[in-house]
PDB file of N, CA and C in Angstrom:
ATOM      1  N   MET A   1      91.731  72.709 104.522  1.00  0.00           N
ATOM      2  CA  MET A   1      91.681  74.325 104.009  1.00  0.00           C
ATOM      3  C   MET A   1      91.095  75.026 104.819  1.00  0.00           C
ATOM      4  N   ALA A   2      91.841  76.470 104.437  1.00  0.00           N
ATOM      5  CA  ALA A   2      91.495  77.239 105.800  1.00  0.00           C
ATOM      6  C   ALA A   2      90.057  78.387 104.151  1.00  0.00           C
ATOM      7  N   GLN A   3      89.765  78.908 105.945  1.00  0.00           N
ATOM      8  CA  GLN A   3      88.792  80.148 105.876  1.00  0.00           C
ATOM      9  C   GLN A   3      88.262  80.306 104.026  1.00  0.00           C
ATOM     10  N   ASP A   4      87.327  80.547 103.564  1.00  0.00           N
ATOM     11  CA  ASP A   4      87.557  81.463 102.382  1.00  0.00           C
ATOM     12  C   ASP A   4      87.058  82.755 103.017  1.00  0.00           C
ATOM     13  N   PHE A   5      88.774  83.081 102.060  1.00  0.00           N
ATOM     14  CA  PHE A   5      89.063  84.792 102.441  1.00  0.00           C
ATOM     15  C   PHE A   5      87.848  85.302 101.959  1.00  0.00           C
ATOM     16  N   ARG A   6      86.661  85.037 101.185  1.00  0.00           N
ATOM     17  CA  ARG A   6      85.551  85.963 100.386  1.00  0.00           C
ATOM     18  C   ARG A   6      85.144  86.569 101.754  1.00  0.00           C
ATOM     19  N   THR A   7      85.384  85.632 102.572  1.00  0.00           N
ATOM     20  CA  THR A   7      84.479  85.879 104.362  1.00  0.00           C
ATOM     21  C   THR A   7      85.049  86.499 105.185  1.00  0.00           C
ATOM     22  N   LEU A   8      86.514  87.226 104.830  1.00  0.00           N
ATOM     23  CA  LEU A   8      86.861  87.511 105.628  1.00  0.00           C
ATOM     24  C   LEU A   8      87.130  89.174 104.901  1.00  0.00           C
ATOM     25  N   LEU A   9      86.724  89.641 103.969  1.00  0.00           N
ATOM     26  CA  LEU A   9      86.677  91.089 103.150  1.00  0.00           C
ATOM     27  C   LEU A   9      85.205  91.981 103.732  1.00  0.00           C
ATOM     28  N   GLU A  10      86.673  93.167 104.386  1.00  0.00           N
ATOM     29  CA  GLU A  10      85.136  93.812 104.866  1.00  0.00           C
ATOM     30  C   GLU A  10      85.543  95.279 104.960  1.00  0.00           C
ATOM     31  N   GLU A  11      83.826  95.369 104.322  1.00  0.00           N
ATOM     32  CA  GLU A  11      83.977  96.835 103.713  1.00  0.00           C
ATOM     33  C   GLU A  11      84.414  98.086 103.552  1.00  0.00           C
ATOM     34  N   LEU A  12      85.516  99.175 103.610  1.00  0.00           N
ATOM     35  CA  LEU A  12      85.644 100.394 104.643  1.00  0.00           C
ATOM     36  C   LEU A  12      84.330 101.105 104.134  1.00  0.00           C
ATOM     37  N   SER A  13      84.300 102.301 105.182  1.00  0.00           N
ATOM     38  CA  SER A  13      83.186 102.970 104.732  1.00  0.00           C
ATOM     39  C   SER A  13      83.100 104.058 103.698  1.00  0.00           C
ATOM     40  N   ARG A  14      82.672 103.945 103.009  1.00  0.00           N
ATOM     41  CA  ARG A  14      82.800 105.210 101.712  1.00  0.00           C
ATOM     42  C   ARG A  14      81.229 105.899 101.757  1.00  0.00           C
ATOM     43  N   PRO A  15      81.436 106.893 100.856  1.00  0.00           N
ATOM     44  CA  PRO A  15      80.277 107.914 100.540  1.00  0.00           C
ATOM     45  C   PRO A  15      78.862 107.488  99.947  1.00  0.00           C
ATOM     46  N   GLU A  16      78.070 107.959 100.559  1.00  0.00           N
ATOM     47  CA  GLU A  16      76.831 107.512  99.625  1.00  0.00           C
ATOM     48  C   GLU A  16      76.994 107.360  98.846  1.00  0.00           C
ATOM     49  N   GLY A  17      76.546 106.185  97.583  1.00  0.00           N
ATOM     50  CA  GLY A  17      75.980 106.779  96.459  1.00  0.00           C
ATOM     51  C   GLY A  17      77.145 107.101  95.680  1.00  0.00           C
ATOM     52  N   ASP A  18      78.373 106.483  96.263  1.00  0.00           N
ATOM     53  CA  ASP A  18      79.499 106.335  95.536  1.00  0.00           C
ATOM     54  C   ASP A  18      80.191 105.180  94.996  1.00  0.00           C
ATOM     55  N   ASP A  19      80.328 104.672  93.816  1.00  0.00           N
ATOM     56  CA  ASP A  19      80.488 103.260  93.705  1.00  0.00           C
ATOM     57  C   ASP A  19      82.215 102.832  93.738  1.00  0.00           C
ATOM     58  N   GLU A  20      82.770 103.578  94.104  1.00  0.00           N
ATOM     59  CA  GLU A  20      84.326 103.682  94.783  1.00  0.00           C
ATOM     60  C   GLU A  20      84.071 102.361  96.098  1.00  0.00           C
ATOM     61  N   ARG A  21      84.712 101.011  95.798  1.00  0.00           N
ATOM     62  CA  ARG A  21      84.869 100.951  97.354  1.00  0.00           C
ATOM     63  C   ARG A  21      85.867  99.855  97.890  1.00  0.00           C
ATOM     64  N   TRP A  22      86.638  99.871  98.832  1.00  0.00           N
ATOM     65  CA  TRP A  22      87.722  99.205  99.555  1.00  0.00           C
ATOM     66  C   TRP A  22      86.797  98.624 100.590  1.00  0.00           C
ATOM     67  N   PHE A  23      88.017  96.917 100.250  1.00  0.00           N
ATOM     68  CA  PHE A  23      87.881  96.153 101.375  1.00  0.00           C
ATOM     69  C   PHE A  23      88.871  96.443 102.378  1.00  0.00           C
ATOM     70  N   GLY A  24      88.867  95.732 103.591  1.00  0.00           N
ATOM     71  CA  GLY A  24      90.423  96.106 104.195  1.00  0.00           C
ATOM     72  C   GLY A  24      91.079  95.297 103.920  1.00  0.00           C
ATOM     73  N   ASP A  25      91.911  95.560 104.495  1.00  0.00           N
ATOM     74  CA  ASP A  25      93.624  94.274 104.514  1.00  0.00           C
ATOM     75  C   ASP A  25      93.254  93.019 105.076  1.00  0.00           C
ATOM     76  N   ILE A  26      93.712  91.956 104.846  1.00  0.00           N
ATOM     77  CA  ILE A  26      93.786  91.021 105.632  1.00  0.00           C
ATOM     78  C   ILE A  26      95.054  90.877 106.374  1.00  0.00           C
ATOM     79  N   ARG A  27      95.352  90.910 107.146  1.00  0.00           N
ATOM     80  CA  ARG A  27      96.730  90.548 108.140  1.00  0.00           C
ATOM     81  C   ARG A  27      97.029  89.319 108.436  1.00  0.00           C
ATOM     82  N   ILE A  28      97.817  89.160 108.006  1.00  0.00           N
ATOM     83  CA  ILE A  28      98.639  87.361 108.091  1.00  0.00           C
ATOM     84  C   ILE A  28      99.726  87.386 109.064  1.00  0.00           C
ATOM     85  N   GLY A  29      99.121  87.291 109.843  1.00  0.00           N
ATOM     86  CA  GLY A  29     100.283  86.736 111.541  1.00  0.00           C
ATOM     87  C   GLY A  29     101.103  88.770 111.440  1.00  0.00           C
ATOM     88  N   ASP A  30     102.295  87.931 111.384  1.00  0.00           N
ATOM     89  CA  ASP A  30     103.337  89.668 111.897  1.00  0.00           C
ATOM     90  C   ASP A  30     104.015  89.787 110.304  1.00  0.00           C
ATOM     91  N   TRP A  31     103.917  88.835 109.622  1.00  0.00           N
ATOM     92  CA  TRP A  31     104.550  88.748 108.396  1.00  0.00           C
ATOM     93  C   TRP A  31     103.384  89.810 106.853  1.00  0.00           C
ATOM     94  N   PHE A  32     102.086  89.588 106.816  1.00  0.00           N
ATOM     95  CA  PHE A  32     101.797  90.111 105.480  1.00  0.00           C
ATOM     96  C   PHE A  32     100.407  90.924 104.952  1.00  0.00           C
ATOM     97  N   PHE A  33     100.465  91.468 104.781  1.00  0.00           N
ATOM     98  CA  PHE A  33      98.562  92.755 104.854  1.00  0.00           C
ATOM     99  C   PHE A  33      98.536  92.123 102.967  1.00  0.00           C
ATOM    100  N   LEU A  34      98.000  91.370 103.087  1.00  0.00           N
ATOM    101  CA  LEU A  34      96.656  91.045 102.104  1.00  0.00           C
ATOM    102  C   LEU A  34      95.349  91.915 101.512  1.00  0.00           C
ATOM    103  N   SER A  35      95.691  92.526 100.677  1.00  0.00           N
ATOM    104  CA  SER A  35      94.733  93.244  99.936  1.00  0.00           C
ATOM    105  C   SER A  35      94.207  92.870  98.776  1.00  0.00           C
ATOM    106  N   ILE A  36      92.735  92.323  98.755  1.00  0.00           N
ATOM    107  CA  ILE A  36      91.737  92.223  97.578  1.00  0.00           C
ATOM    108  C   ILE A  36      90.696  92.742  97.862  1.00  0.00           C
ATOM    109  N   GLN A  37      90.945  93.451  96.131  1.00  0.00           N
ATOM    110  CA  GLN A  37      89.884  94.273  95.986  1.00  0.00           C
ATOM    111  C   GLN A  37      89.221  94.087  94.563  1.00  0.00           C
ATOM    112  N   GLY A  38      87.605  94.325  94.560  1.00  0.00           N
ATOM    113  CA  GLY A  38      87.220  94.312  93.791  1.00  0.00           C
ATOM    114  C   GLY A  38      85.744  95.247  93.357  1.00  0.00           C
ATOM    115  N   GLY A  39      85.710  95.549  91.981  1.00  0.00           N
ATOM    116  CA  GLY A  39      84.762  96.806  91.835  1.00  0.00           C
ATOM    117  C   GLY A  39      85.532  98.234  90.691  1.00  0.00           C
ATOM    118  N   PRO A  40      84.867  98.986  90.280  1.00  0.00           N
ATOM    119  CA  PRO A  40      84.903 100.031  89.018  1.00  0.00           C
ATOM    120  C   PRO A  40      86.163 100.389  89.178  1.00  0.00           C
ATOM    121  N   ASP A  41      87.157 100.902  90.264  1.00  0.00           N
ATOM    122  CA  ASP A  41      88.432 100.759  89.714  1.00  0.00           C
ATOM    123  C   ASP A  41      89.511 100.172  90.537  1.00  0.00           C
ATOM    124  N   HIS A  42      89.035  99.004  90.136  1.00  0.00           N
ATOM    125  CA  HIS A  42      90.472  97.379  90.462  1.00  0.00           C
ATOM    126  C   HIS A  42      89.435  96.451  88.962  1.00  0.00           C
ATOM    127  N   GLU A  43      91.199  95.758  89.058  1.00  0.00           N
ATOM    128  CA  GLU A  43      91.372  95.011  88.234  1.00  0.00           C
ATOM    129  C   GLU A  43      90.298  93.596  88.933  1.00  0.00           C
ATOM    130  N   SER A  44      88.900  93.282  88.335  1.00  0.00           N
ATOM    131  CA  SER A  44      88.407  92.821  88.808  1.00  0.00           C
ATOM    132  C   SER A  44      87.437  92.260  87.918  1.00  0.00           C
ATOM    133  N   ILE A  45      86.643  91.056  88.795  1.00  0.00           N
ATOM    134  CA  ILE A  45      85.120  90.519  87.797  1.00  0.00           C
ATOM    135  C   ILE A  45      83.999  90.187  87.888  1.00  0.00           C
ATOM    136  N   PRO A  46      83.485  91.095  87.932  1.00  0.00           N
ATOM    137  CA  PRO A  46      83.025  92.336  87.031  1.00  0.00           C
ATOM    138  C   PRO A  46      84.022  93.596  87.979  1.00  0.00           C
ATOM    139  N   ARG A  47      83.722  94.185  86.613  1.00  0.00           N
ATOM    140  CA  ARG A  47      84.411  95.542  87.516  1.00  0.00           C
ATOM    141  C   ARG A  47      83.299  96.273  88.176  1.00  0.00           C
ATOM    142  N   ASP A  48      82.541  96.153  88.683  1.00  0.00           N
ATOM    143  CA  ASP A  48      81.928  96.672  88.819  1.00  0.00           C
ATOM    144  C   ASP A  48      81.413  96.017  90.784  1.00  0.00           C
ATOM    145  N   THR A  49      80.513  96.809  91.181  1.00  0.00           N
ATOM    146  CA  THR A  49      80.913  96.948  92.518  1.00  0.00           C
ATOM    147  C   THR A  49      79.534  96.061  93.291  1.00  0.00           C
ATOM    148  N   VAL A  50      79.276  94.987  93.251  1.00  0.00           N
ATOM    149  CA  VAL A  50      79.157  93.537  94.038  1.00  0.00           C
ATOM    150  C   VAL A  50      79.342  93.177  95.117  1.00  0.00           C
ATOM    151  N   GLY A  51      78.578  92.253  95.693  1.00  0.00           N
ATOM    152  CA  GLY A  51      79.268  91.244  97.218  1.00  0.00           C
ATOM    153  C   GLY A  51      80.074  90.307  96.896  1.00  0.00           C
ATOM    154  N   ALA A  52      81.129  90.589  97.658  1.00  0.00           N
ATOM    155  CA  ALA A  52      82.349  89.942  98.046  1.00  0.00           C
ATOM    156  C   ALA A  52      82.187  88.505  97.323  1.00  0.00           C
ATOM    157  N   MET A  53      81.201  87.711  97.098  1.00  0.00           N
ATOM    158  CA  MET A  53      80.768  86.571  96.814  1.00  0.00           C
ATOM    159  C   MET A  53      80.700  85.846  95.892  1.00  0.00           C
ATOM    160  N   ASP A  54      80.783  87.517  95.250  1.00  0.00           N
ATOM    161  CA  ASP A  54      79.595  87.901  92.976  1.00  0.00           C
ATOM    162  C   ASP A  54      81.118  87.561  92.173  1.00  0.00           C
ATOM    163  N   TYR A  55      82.206  88.047  93.026  1.00  0.00           N
ATOM    164  CA  TYR A  55      83.081  88.179  92.313  1.00  0.00           C
ATOM    165  C   TYR A  55      83.824  87.213  91.644  1.00  0.00           C
ATOM    166  N   GLU A  56      84.646  86.768  90.259  1.00  0.00           N
ATOM    167  CA  GLU A  56      84.904  85.896  89.959  1.00  0.00           C
ATOM    168  C   GLU A  56      86.580  86.000  89.736  1.00  0.00           C
ATOM    169  N   ALA A  57      86.603  87.115  89.856  1.00  0.00           N
ATOM    170  CA  ALA A  57      88.673  87.551  90.289  1.00  0.00           C
ATOM    171  C   ALA A  57      88.207  88.500  90.609  1.00  0.00           C
ATOM    172  N   PHE A  58      89.393  89.138  91.190  1.00  0.00           N
ATOM    173  CA  PHE A  58      90.000  89.827  92.516  1.00  0.00           C
ATOM    174  C   PHE A  58      91.189  91.159  91.380  1.00  0.00           C
ATOM    175  N   GLU A  59      91.533  91.851  92.432  1.00  0.00           N
ATOM    176  CA  GLU A  59      92.636  92.443  91.850  1.00  0.00           C
ATOM    177  C   GLU A  59      93.719  92.142  93.653  1.00  0.00           C
ATOM    178  N   VAL A  60      94.668  91.322  93.678  1.00  0.00           N
ATOM    179  CA  VAL A  60      95.653  91.170  95.221  1.00  0.00           C
ATOM    180  C   VAL A  60      96.721  92.348  95.130  1.00  0.00           C
ATOM    181  N   SER A  61      97.105  92.390  95.987  1.00  0.00           N
ATOM    182  CA  SER A  61      97.823  92.928  97.026  1.00  0.00           C
ATOM    183  C   SER A  61      98.767  92.735  97.352  1.00  0.00           C
ATOM    184  N   LEU A  62     100.376  92.417  97.432  1.00  0.00           N
ATOM    185  CA  LEU A  62     100.880  91.884  99.036  1.00  0.00           C
ATOM    186  C   LEU A  62     101.932  92.656  99.478  1.00  0.00           C
ATOM    187  N   GLN A  63     102.117  92.903 100.721  1.00  0.00           N
ATOM    188  CA  GLN A  63     103.250  93.860 100.873  1.00  0.00           C
ATOM    189  C   GLN A  63     103.642  92.881 102.219  1.00  0.00           C
ATOM    190  N   THR A  64     104.887  93.295 102.959  1.00  0.00           N
ATOM    191  CA  THR A  64     104.707  92.555 104.699  1.00  0.00           C
ATOM    192  C   THR A  64     104.573  94.041 105.358  1.00  0.00           C
ATOM    193  N   VAL A  65     104.732  93.586 106.277  1.00  0.00           N
ATOM    194  CA  VAL A  65     103.795  94.310 107.830  1.00  0.00           C
ATOM    195  C   VAL A  65     104.665  95.184 107.916  1.00  0.00           C
ATOM    196  N   HIS A  66     106.566  94.957 107.905  1.00  0.00           N
ATOM    197  CA  HIS A  66     107.463  95.588 108.631  1.00  0.00           C
ATOM    198  C   HIS A  66     108.692  96.149 107.354  1.00  0.00           C
ATOM    199  N   GLY A  67     108.394  96.123 106.369  1.00  0.00           N
ATOM    200  CA  GLY A  67     109.017  96.243 105.331  1.00  0.00           C
ATOM    201  C   GLY A  67     109.519  96.367 103.848  1.00  0.00           C
ATOM    202  N   VAL A  68     110.175  96.180 103.732  1.00  0.00           N
ATOM    203  CA  VAL A  68     110.248  95.954 101.963  1.00  0.00           C
ATOM    204  C   VAL A  68     110.104  94.561 101.274  1.00  0.00           C
ATOM    205  N   ILE A  69     109.500  93.677 100.856  1.00  0.00           N
ATOM    206  CA  ILE A  69     108.759  92.618 100.127  1.00  0.00           C
ATOM    207  C   ILE A  69     109.725  91.885  99.488  1.00  0.00           C
ATOM    208  N   SER A  70     110.083  92.976  97.906  1.00  0.00           N
ATOM    209  CA  SER A  70     111.161  92.607  97.316  1.00  0.00           C
ATOM    210  C   SER A  70     112.801  91.907  98.035  1.00  0.00           C
ATOM    211  N   TYR A  71     113.262  92.749  98.894  1.00  0.00           N
ATOM    212  CA  TYR A  71     114.672  92.360  99.310  1.00  0.00           C
ATOM    213  C   TYR A  71     114.564  93.033 100.369  1.00  0.00           C
ATOM    214  N   GLY A  72     115.527  92.459 101.140  1.00  0.00           N
ATOM    215  CA  GLY A  72     116.428  92.945 102.666  1.00  0.00           C
ATOM    216  C   GLY A  72     115.790  91.758 103.540  1.00  0.00           C
ATOM    217  N   LYS A  73     115.901  92.553 104.675  1.00  0.00           N
ATOM    218  CA  LYS A  73     115.738  91.795 105.676  1.00  0.00           C
ATOM    219  C   LYS A  73     114.452  91.124 105.749  1.00  0.00           C
ATOM    220  N   TRP A  74     113.080  91.747 105.117  1.00  0.00           N
ATOM    221  CA  TRP A  74     111.620  91.355 105.230  1.00  0.00           C
ATOM    222  C   TRP A  74     111.468  91.299 103.821  1.00  0.00           C
ATOM    223  N   GLY A  75     112.477  90.804 103.095  1.00  0.00           N
ATOM    224  CA  GLY A  75     112.649  90.348 101.570  1.00  0.00           C
ATOM    225  C   GLY A  75     111.727  89.091 101.274  1.00  0.00           C
ATOM    226  N   VAL A  76     110.537  88.497 101.395  1.00  0.00           N
ATOM    227  CA  VAL A  76     110.225  87.467 101.194  1.00  0.00           C
ATOM    228  C   VAL A  76     110.101  87.181  99.661  1.00  0.00           C
ATOM    229  N   TRP A  77     109.855  88.054  99.034  1.00  0.00           N
ATOM    230  CA  TRP A  77     109.514  87.620  97.094  1.00  0.00           C
ATOM    231  C   TRP A  77     110.193  86.558  96.333  1.00  0.00           C
ATOM    232  N   GLU A  78     111.725  86.240  96.477  1.00  0.00           N
ATOM    233  CA  GLU A  78     112.384  85.569  96.714  1.00  0.00           C
ATOM    234  C   GLU A  78     112.093  84.144  96.894  1.00  0.00           C
ATOM    235  N   GLN A  79     111.513  83.742  98.128  1.00  0.00           N
ATOM    236  CA  GLN A  79     110.896  82.439  98.255  1.00  0.00           C
ATOM    237  C   GLN A  79     109.708  82.380  98.056  1.00  0.00           C
ATOM    238  N   LEU A  80     108.959  83.147  98.179  1.00  0.00           N
ATOM    239  CA  LEU A  80     106.956  83.298  97.402  1.00  0.00           C
ATOM    240  C   LEU A  80     107.207  83.187  96.041  1.00  0.00           C
ATOM    241  N   ALA A  81     108.200  83.710  95.358  1.00  0.00           N
ATOM    242  CA  ALA A  81     109.027  83.115  93.606  1.00  0.00           C
ATOM    243  C   ALA A  81     108.464  82.144  92.730  1.00  0.00           C
ATOM    244  N   ALA A  82     108.246  81.369  93.749  1.00  0.00           N
ATOM    245  CA  ALA A  82     108.816  80.373  93.349  1.00  0.00           C
ATOM    246  C   ALA A  82     107.383  78.982  93.429  1.00  0.00           C
ATOM    247  N   LYS A  83     106.674  80.172  94.131  1.00  0.00           N
ATOM    248  CA  LYS A  83     104.811  79.598  93.915  1.00  0.00           C
ATOM    249  C   LYS A  83     104.765  79.708  92.491  1.00  0.00           C
ATOM    250  N   PRO A  84     103.193  78.355  92.252  1.00  0.00           N
ATOM    251  CA  PRO A  84     102.705  78.696  90.852  1.00  0.00           C
ATOM    252  C   PRO A  84     101.489  80.038  90.790  1.00  0.00           C
ATOM    253  N   TRP A  85     101.253  81.164  91.646  1.00  0.00           N
ATOM    254  CA  TRP A  85     100.648  82.079  91.569  1.00  0.00           C
ATOM    255  C   TRP A  85     101.579  83.388  91.754  1.00  0.00           C
ATOM    256  N   ALA A  86     102.901  83.554  91.533  1.00  0.00           N
ATOM    257  CA  ALA A  86     103.991  84.139  91.252  1.00  0.00           C
ATOM    258  C   ALA A  86     104.233  84.939  90.192  1.00  0.00           C
ATOM    259  N   SER A  87     103.555  84.254  88.944  1.00  0.00           N
ATOM    260  CA  SER A  87     103.985  85.116  88.447  1.00  0.00           C
ATOM    261  C   SER A  87     103.255  85.782  87.410  1.00  0.00           C
ATOM    262  N   ARG A  88     101.855  86.087  88.150  1.00  0.00           N
ATOM    263  CA  ARG A  88     101.000  86.947  87.801  1.00  0.00           C
ATOM    264  C   ARG A  88     101.065  87.982  88.709  1.00  0.00           C
ATOM    265  N   PHE A  89     101.712  88.299  89.360  1.00  0.00           N
ATOM    266  CA  PHE A  89     102.265  89.584  90.447  1.00  0.00           C
ATOM    267  C   PHE A  89     103.287  90.507  89.774  1.00  0.00           C
ATOM    268  N   HIS A  90     103.278  91.535  89.637  1.00  0.00           N
ATOM    269  CA  HIS A  90     104.355  92.867  88.970  1.00  0.00           C
ATOM    270  C   HIS A  90     104.913  93.689  90.581  1.00  0.00           C
ATOM    271  N   LYS A  91     106.246  94.192  90.437  1.00  0.00           N
ATOM    272  CA  LYS A  91     107.048  95.276  91.643  1.00  0.00           C
ATOM    273  C   LYS A  91     105.730  96.520  91.194  1.00  0.00           C
ATOM    274  N   GLU A  92     104.536  96.980  92.339  1.00  0.00           N
ATOM    275  CA  GLU A  92     104.652  98.147  92.180  1.00  0.00           C
ATOM    276  C   GLU A  92     105.215  98.648  92.576  1.00  0.00           C
ATOM    277  N   THR A  93     105.781  99.071  93.767  1.00  0.00           N
ATOM    278  CA  THR A  93     106.533  99.858  94.201  1.00  0.00           C
ATOM    279  C   THR A  93     108.090  98.220  94.959  1.00  0.00           C
ATOM    280  N   PRO A  94     108.919  98.807  95.647  1.00  0.00           N
ATOM    281  CA  PRO A  94     110.001  98.017  96.300  1.00  0.00           C
ATOM    282  C   PRO A  94     109.076  97.235  97.539  1.00  0.00           C
ATOM    283  N   MET A  95     107.664  98.043  98.284  1.00  0.00           N
ATOM    284  CA  MET A  95     107.252  97.464  99.105  1.00  0.00           C
ATOM    285  C   MET A  95     105.995  96.539  98.827  1.00  0.00           C
ATOM    286  N   LEU A  96     105.474  96.752  97.370  1.00  0.00           N
ATOM    287  CA  LEU A  96     104.103  95.896  97.623  1.00  0.00           C
ATOM    288  C   LEU A  96     104.252  95.495  95.867  1.00  0.00           C
ATOM    289  N   MET A  97     103.958  94.447  95.936  1.00  0.00           N
ATOM    290  CA  MET A  97     103.658  93.358  94.725  1.00  0.00           C
ATOM    291  C   MET A  97     101.615  93.589  94.545  1.00  0.00           C
ATOM    292  N   VAL A  98     101.606  93.121  93.393  1.00  0.00           N
ATOM    293  CA  VAL A  98     100.173  93.924  92.895  1.00  0.00           C
ATOM    294  C   VAL A  98     100.218  92.498  91.580  1.00  0.00           C
ATOM    295  N   ALA A  99      98.718  91.981  91.288  1.00  0.00           N
ATOM    296  CA  ALA A  99      98.498  90.921  90.495  1.00  0.00           C
ATOM    297  C   ALA A  99      96.879  91.773  90.260  1.00  0.00           C
ATOM    298  N   GLY A 100      96.137  91.635  88.619  1.00  0.00           N
ATOM    299  CA  GLY A 100      94.940  91.603  88.956  1.00  0.00           C
ATOM    300  C   GLY A 100      94.360  90.405  88.127  1.00  0.00           C
ATOM    301  N   GLU A 101      92.863  90.881  88.250  1.00  0.00           N
ATOM    302  CA  GLU A 101      92.116  89.593  87.643  1.00  0.00           C
ATOM    303  C   GLU A 101      92.405  88.454  88.043  1.00  0.00           C
ATOM    304  N   VAL A 102      92.924  88.144  89.498  1.00  0.00           N
ATOM    305  CA  VAL A 102      93.816  86.896  89.710  1.00  0.00           C
ATOM    306  C   VAL A 102      92.077  85.770  90.117  1.00  0.00           C
ATOM    307  N   PRO A 103      91.380  84.622  89.609  1.00  0.00           N
ATOM    308  CA  PRO A 103      90.011  83.925  90.014  1.00  0.00           C
ATOM    309  C   PRO A 103      90.247  83.638  91.142  1.00  0.00           C
ATOM    310  N   VAL A 104      88.985  83.636  92.065  1.00  0.00           N
ATOM    311  CA  VAL A 104      88.919  83.331  93.333  1.00  0.00           C
ATOM    312  C   VAL A 104      89.579  82.238  93.586  1.00  0.00           C
ATOM    313  N   ALA A 105      89.901  80.735  92.974  1.00  0.00           N
ATOM    314  CA  ALA A 105      90.456  80.034  93.630  1.00  0.00           C
ATOM    315  C   ALA A 105      91.801  80.045  93.680  1.00  0.00           C
ATOM    316  N   GLU A 106      92.351  80.433  92.586  1.00  0.00           N
ATOM    317  CA  GLU A 106      93.806  81.034  92.867  1.00  0.00           C
ATOM    318  C   GLU A 106      94.018  82.219  94.032  1.00  0.00           C
ATOM    319  N   VAL A 107      93.404  83.266  94.408  1.00  0.00           N
ATOM    320  CA  VAL A 107      92.940  84.066  95.213  1.00  0.00           C
ATOM    321  C   VAL A 107      93.442  83.129  96.999  1.00  0.00           C
ATOM    322  N   GLN A 108      92.473  81.976  96.807  1.00  0.00           N
ATOM    323  CA  GLN A 108      92.491  81.355  97.857  1.00  0.00           C
ATOM    324  C   GLN A 108      93.500  80.417  97.640  1.00  0.00           C
ATOM    325  N   ARG A 109      93.896  80.045  96.899  1.00  0.00           N
ATOM    326  CA  ARG A 109      95.345  79.411  97.320  1.00  0.00           C
ATOM    327  C   ARG A 109      96.802  80.105  97.849  1.00  0.00           C
ATOM    328  N   ILE A 110      96.877  81.461  97.283  1.00  0.00           N
ATOM    329  CA  ILE A 110      97.698  82.883  97.841  1.00  0.00           C
ATOM    330  C   ILE A 110      97.282  83.178  99.018  1.00  0.00           C
ATOM    331  N   TYR A 111      96.299  82.867  99.283  1.00  0.00           N
ATOM    332  CA  TYR A 111      95.997  83.507 101.377  1.00  0.00           C
ATOM    333  C   TYR A 111      96.396  82.289 102.145  1.00  0.00           C
ATOM    334  N   GLU A 112      96.035  80.573 101.379  1.00  0.00           N
ATOM    335  CA  GLU A 112      96.849  79.782 102.097  1.00  0.00           C
ATOM    336  C   GLU A 112      98.016  79.466 102.271  1.00  0.00           C
ATOM    337  N   ASP A 113      98.568  80.039 101.353  1.00  0.00           N
ATOM    338  CA  ASP A 113     100.503  79.905 101.036  1.00  0.00           C
ATOM    339  C   ASP A 113     101.155  80.354 101.959  1.00  0.00           C
ATOM    340  N   LEU A 114     100.276  81.964 101.948  1.00  0.00           N
ATOM    341  CA  LEU A 114     100.505  83.026 103.110  1.00  0.00           C
ATOM    342  C   LEU A 114     100.013  82.943 104.481  1.00  0.00           C
ATOM    343  N   LEU A 115      99.552  82.188 104.542  1.00  0.00           N
ATOM    344  CA  LEU A 115      98.891  81.814 106.354  1.00  0.00           C
ATOM    345  C   LEU A 115     100.443  80.628 106.704  1.00  0.00           C
ATOM    346  N   GLU A 116     100.215  79.407 105.173  1.00  0.00           N
ATOM    347  CA  GLU A 116     101.421  78.697 106.026  1.00  0.00           C
ATOM    348  C   GLU A 116     102.731  79.279 105.804  1.00  0.00           C
ATOM    349  N   PHE A 117     103.204  80.358 105.158  1.00  0.00           N
ATOM    350  CA  PHE A 117     104.563  80.614 105.257  1.00  0.00           C
ATOM    351  C   PHE A 117     104.260  81.421 106.482  1.00  0.00           C
ATOM    352  N   ALA A 118     103.593  82.302 107.168  1.00  0.00           N
ATOM    353  CA  ALA A 118     103.551  82.829 108.749  1.00  0.00           C
ATOM    354  C   ALA A 118     103.685  82.182 109.568  1.00  0.00           C
ATOM    355  N   ARG A 119     102.885  80.659 109.033  1.00  0.00           N
ATOM    356  CA  ARG A 119     103.159  79.873 110.393  1.00  0.00           C
ATOM    357  C   ARG A 119     104.323  79.014 110.558  1.00  0.00           C
ATOM    358  N   THR A 120     105.439  79.003 109.085  1.00  0.00           N
ATOM    359  CA  THR A 120     106.442  78.098 109.388  1.00  0.00           C
ATOM    360  C   THR A 120     107.580  79.169 109.270  1.00  0.00           C
ATOM    361  N   HIS A 121     107.423  80.514 108.999  1.00  0.00           N
ATOM    362  CA  HIS A 121     108.915  81.548 109.119  1.00  0.00           C
ATOM    363  C   HIS A 121     108.798  82.012 110.184  1.00  0.00           C
ATOM    364  N   PRO A 122     109.810  81.966 111.668  1.00  0.00           N
ATOM    365  CA  PRO A 122     109.681  83.476 112.788  1.00  0.00           C
ATOM    366  C   PRO A 122     110.071  84.418 111.556  1.00  0.00           C
ATOM    367  N   VAL A 123     109.440  85.855 111.998  1.00  0.00           N
ATOM    368  CA  VAL A 123     109.679  87.349 111.267  1.00  0.00           C
ATOM    369  C   VAL A 123     110.829  87.310 111.827  1.00  0.00           C
ATOM    370  N   PRO A 124     111.677  88.367 110.856  1.00  0.00           N
ATOM    371  CA  PRO A 124     112.840  88.561 111.007  1.00  0.00           C
ATOM    372  C   PRO A 124     112.999  90.055 112.537  1.00  0.00           C
TER     373      PRO A 124
END
């Protein structure tokens, strides 16, 4: 099992007293940026600003480092679409897949699957 993804979430700077909070993206090799967010402006449980370990579910976005995820040279979504968690995602743009209220255990599975994909597939 890989490291708990929640330990990798680093809060980006935000104005004092502002509830809007963003965690920095997790880069997975030369393949992916994985964005895992929680808070009032995200589809998380709770929809509040709490510590990373206090969320039951997160909003998750996935994109490739160098281009379009849904088709073309970097289009790996056809391969990832077979994963059990893939049905949660919708195509926000050709470059970005997004899923809301993804339970912690499933986010961990996504993270581990992406690590394995990056390890076993050379970049184009």
